[in-house]
């Protein structure tokens, strides 16, 4: 794995779908993984994540390169740290 893309999520349902759709084209590269870290969102962000994972699993993209992690709200830094701990990439990008 060369690149891990970590997306910290907290009450961003208004922007999340557009964000995930912008990442989707590079997920066809088998050396890229996507790590979605829900930091205790109280809005519809979790539903959007599940719908997105279903969507990409029904296309040419494979979900083994996508991880969804839920944690109680701990703040942006801890969400990023959780993403780092669960990444396999040589490089890490945050969105």
C-alpha atoms as a PDB file:
ATOM      1  CA  UNK A   1       0.000   0.000   0.000  1.00  0.00           C
ATOM      2  CA  UNK A   2       1.434   3.345  -1.027  1.00  0.00           C
ATOM      3  CA  UNK A   3      -1.191   5.892   0.041  1.00  0.00           C
ATOM      4  CA  UNK A   4      -3.689   6.010   2.890  1.00  0.00           C
ATOM      5  CA  UNK A   5      -6.342   8.726   2.660  1.00  0.00           C
ATOM      6  CA  UNK A   6      -7.808   9.502   6.080  1.00  0.00           C
ATOM      7  CA  UNK A   7     -11.119  11.344   6.271  1.00  0.00           C
ATOM      8  CA  UNK A   8     -11.979  12.528   9.805  1.00  0.00           C
ATOM      9  CA  UNK A   9     -15.750  12.943  10.029  1.00  0.00           C
ATOM     10  CA  UNK A  10     -17.765  14.940  12.544  1.00  0.00           C
ATOM     11  CA  UNK A  11     -21.191  16.349  11.643  1.00  0.00           C
ATOM     12  CA  UNK A  12     -20.284  17.086   8.022  1.00  0.00           C
ATOM     13  CA  UNK A  13     -23.251  15.544   6.231  1.00  0.00           C
ATOM     14  CA  UNK A  14     -23.619  18.684   4.074  1.00  0.00           C
ATOM     15  CA  UNK A  15     -20.148  18.176   2.575  1.00  0.00           C
ATOM     16  CA  UNK A  16     -19.351  14.497   3.016  1.00  0.00           C
ATOM     17  CA  UNK A  17     -20.887  13.085  -0.150  1.00  0.00           C
ATOM     18  CA  UNK A  18     -19.086  15.613  -2.354  1.00  0.00           C
ATOM     19  CA  UNK A  19     -15.838  14.897  -0.519  1.00  0.00           C
ATOM     20  CA  UNK A  20     -16.144  11.131  -0.992  1.00  0.00           C
ATOM     21  CA  UNK A  21     -17.126  11.500  -4.636  1.00  0.00           C
ATOM     22  CA  UNK A  22     -14.004  13.598  -5.237  1.00  0.00           C
ATOM     23  CA  UNK A  23     -11.819  10.803  -3.822  1.00  0.00           C
ATOM     24  CA  UNK A  24     -13.520   7.963  -5.688  1.00  0.00           C
ATOM     25  CA  UNK A  25     -11.558   8.180  -8.973  1.00  0.00           C
ATOM     26  CA  UNK A  26      -8.240   7.377  -7.292  1.00  0.00           C
ATOM     27  CA  UNK A  27      -9.649   4.438  -5.347  1.00  0.00           C
ATOM     28  CA  UNK A  28      -9.428   2.294  -8.464  1.00  0.00           C
ATOM     29  CA  UNK A  29      -5.678   2.215  -7.804  1.00  0.00           C
ATOM     30  CA  UNK A  30      -4.999  -0.874  -5.705  1.00  0.00           C
ATOM     31  CA  UNK A  31      -2.210   0.984  -3.871  1.00  0.00           C
ATOM     32  CA  UNK A  32      -4.637   3.474  -2.323  1.00  0.00           C
ATOM     33  CA  UNK A  33      -6.774   2.902   0.749  1.00  0.00           C
ATOM     34  CA  UNK A  34      -9.528   5.055   2.203  1.00  0.00           C
ATOM     35  CA  UNK A  35     -10.037   5.287   5.968  1.00  0.00           C
ATOM     36  CA  UNK A  36     -13.228   6.963   7.151  1.00  0.00           C
ATOM     37  CA  UNK A  37     -13.071   7.892  10.853  1.00  0.00           C
ATOM     38  CA  UNK A  38     -16.432   8.949  12.283  1.00  0.00           C
ATOM     39  CA  UNK A  39     -15.664  10.895  15.441  1.00  0.00           C
ATOM     40  CA  UNK A  40     -19.098  10.534  17.032  1.00  0.00           C
ATOM     41  CA  UNK A  41     -21.205  12.429  14.490  1.00  0.00           C
ATOM     42  CA  UNK A  42     -24.770  13.190  15.560  1.00  0.00           C
ATOM     43  CA  UNK A  43     -26.031  13.979  12.052  1.00  0.00           C
ATOM     44  CA  UNK A  44     -26.477  11.720   9.009  1.00  0.00           C
ATOM     45  CA  UNK A  45     -22.751  11.316   8.308  1.00  0.00           C
ATOM     46  CA  UNK A  46     -22.734   7.641   9.307  1.00  0.00           C
ATOM     47  CA  UNK A  47     -25.545   6.826   6.849  1.00  0.00           C
ATOM     48  CA  UNK A  48     -23.663   8.618   4.071  1.00  0.00           C
ATOM     49  CA  UNK A  49     -20.542   6.543   4.823  1.00  0.00           C
ATOM     50  CA  UNK A  50     -22.477   3.264   4.682  1.00  0.00           C
ATOM     51  CA  UNK A  51     -24.206   4.277   1.425  1.00  0.00           C
ATOM     52  CA  UNK A  52     -20.853   5.237  -0.073  1.00  0.00           C
ATOM     53  CA  UNK A  53     -19.238   1.936   0.922  1.00  0.00           C
ATOM     54  CA  UNK A  54     -22.200   0.068  -0.602  1.00  0.00           C
ATOM     55  CA  UNK A  55     -21.884   2.149  -3.757  1.00  0.00           C
ATOM     56  CA  UNK A  56     -18.197   1.465  -4.295  1.00  0.00           C
ATOM     57  CA  UNK A  57     -18.573  -2.219  -3.451  1.00  0.00           C
ATOM     58  CA  UNK A  58     -21.086  -2.493  -6.303  1.00  0.00           C
ATOM     59  CA  UNK A  59     -18.715  -0.914  -8.820  1.00  0.00           C
ATOM     60  CA  UNK A  60     -15.204  -1.700  -9.981  1.00  0.00           C
ATOM     61  CA  UNK A  61     -13.777  -0.502  -6.656  1.00  0.00           C
ATOM     62  CA  UNK A  62     -13.221  -3.040  -3.919  1.00  0.00           C
ATOM     63  CA  UNK A  63     -14.048  -2.377  -0.269  1.00  0.00           C
ATOM     64  CA  UNK A  64     -10.982  -4.143   1.193  1.00  0.00           C
ATOM     65  CA  UNK A  65      -9.215  -0.841   0.540  1.00  0.00           C
ATOM     66  CA  UNK A  66     -11.898   1.048   2.465  1.00  0.00           C
ATOM     67  CA  UNK A  67     -12.225   1.069   6.245  1.00  0.00           C
ATOM     68  CA  UNK A  68     -14.983   2.656   8.310  1.00  0.00           C
ATOM     69  CA  UNK A  69     -14.232   3.330  11.970  1.00  0.00           C
ATOM     70  CA  UNK A  70     -16.635   4.783  14.531  1.00  0.00           C
ATOM     71  CA  UNK A  71     -15.371   6.242  17.782  1.00  0.00           C
ATOM     72  CA  UNK A  72     -16.878   8.426  20.492  1.00  0.00           C
ATOM     73  CA  UNK A  73     -16.142  12.104  19.950  1.00  0.00           C
ATOM     74  CA  UNK A  74     -12.534  12.850  20.851  1.00  0.00           C
ATOM     75  CA  UNK A  75     -11.746  15.719  18.504  1.00  0.00           C
ATOM     76  CA  UNK A  76     -10.046  16.121  15.153  1.00  0.00           C
ATOM     77  CA  UNK A  77      -6.551  15.206  16.337  1.00  0.00           C
ATOM     78  CA  UNK A  78      -7.676  11.892  17.815  1.00  0.00           C
ATOM     79  CA  UNK A  79      -9.703  11.098  14.696  1.00  0.00           C
ATOM     80  CA  UNK A  80      -6.572  11.657  12.618  1.00  0.00           C
ATOM     81  CA  UNK A  81      -4.512   9.545  15.036  1.00  0.00           C
ATOM     82  CA  UNK A  82      -7.057   6.731  14.763  1.00  0.00           C
ATOM     83  CA  UNK A  83      -6.737   6.931  10.986  1.00  0.00           C
ATOM     84  CA  UNK A  84      -2.953   6.769  11.220  1.00  0.00           C
ATOM     85  CA  UNK A  85      -3.096   3.743  13.544  1.00  0.00           C
ATOM     86  CA  UNK A  86      -5.341   1.912  11.085  1.00  0.00           C
ATOM     87  CA  UNK A  87      -3.461   2.818   7.917  1.00  0.00           C
ATOM     88  CA  UNK A  88      -1.199   0.615   5.854  1.00  0.00           C
ATOM     89  CA  UNK A  89       0.141   3.212   3.439  1.00  0.00           C
ATOM     90  CA  UNK A  90       3.688   4.412   3.106  1.00  0.00           C
ATOM     91  CA  UNK A  91       2.224   7.930   2.797  1.00  0.00           C
ATOM     92  CA  UNK A  92      -0.813   9.403   4.557  1.00  0.00           C
ATOM     93  CA  UNK A  93      -3.070  12.164   3.292  1.00  0.00           C
ATOM     94  CA  UNK A  94      -5.803  13.890   5.296  1.00  0.00           C
ATOM     95  CA  UNK A  95      -8.935  15.378   3.801  1.00  0.00           C
END
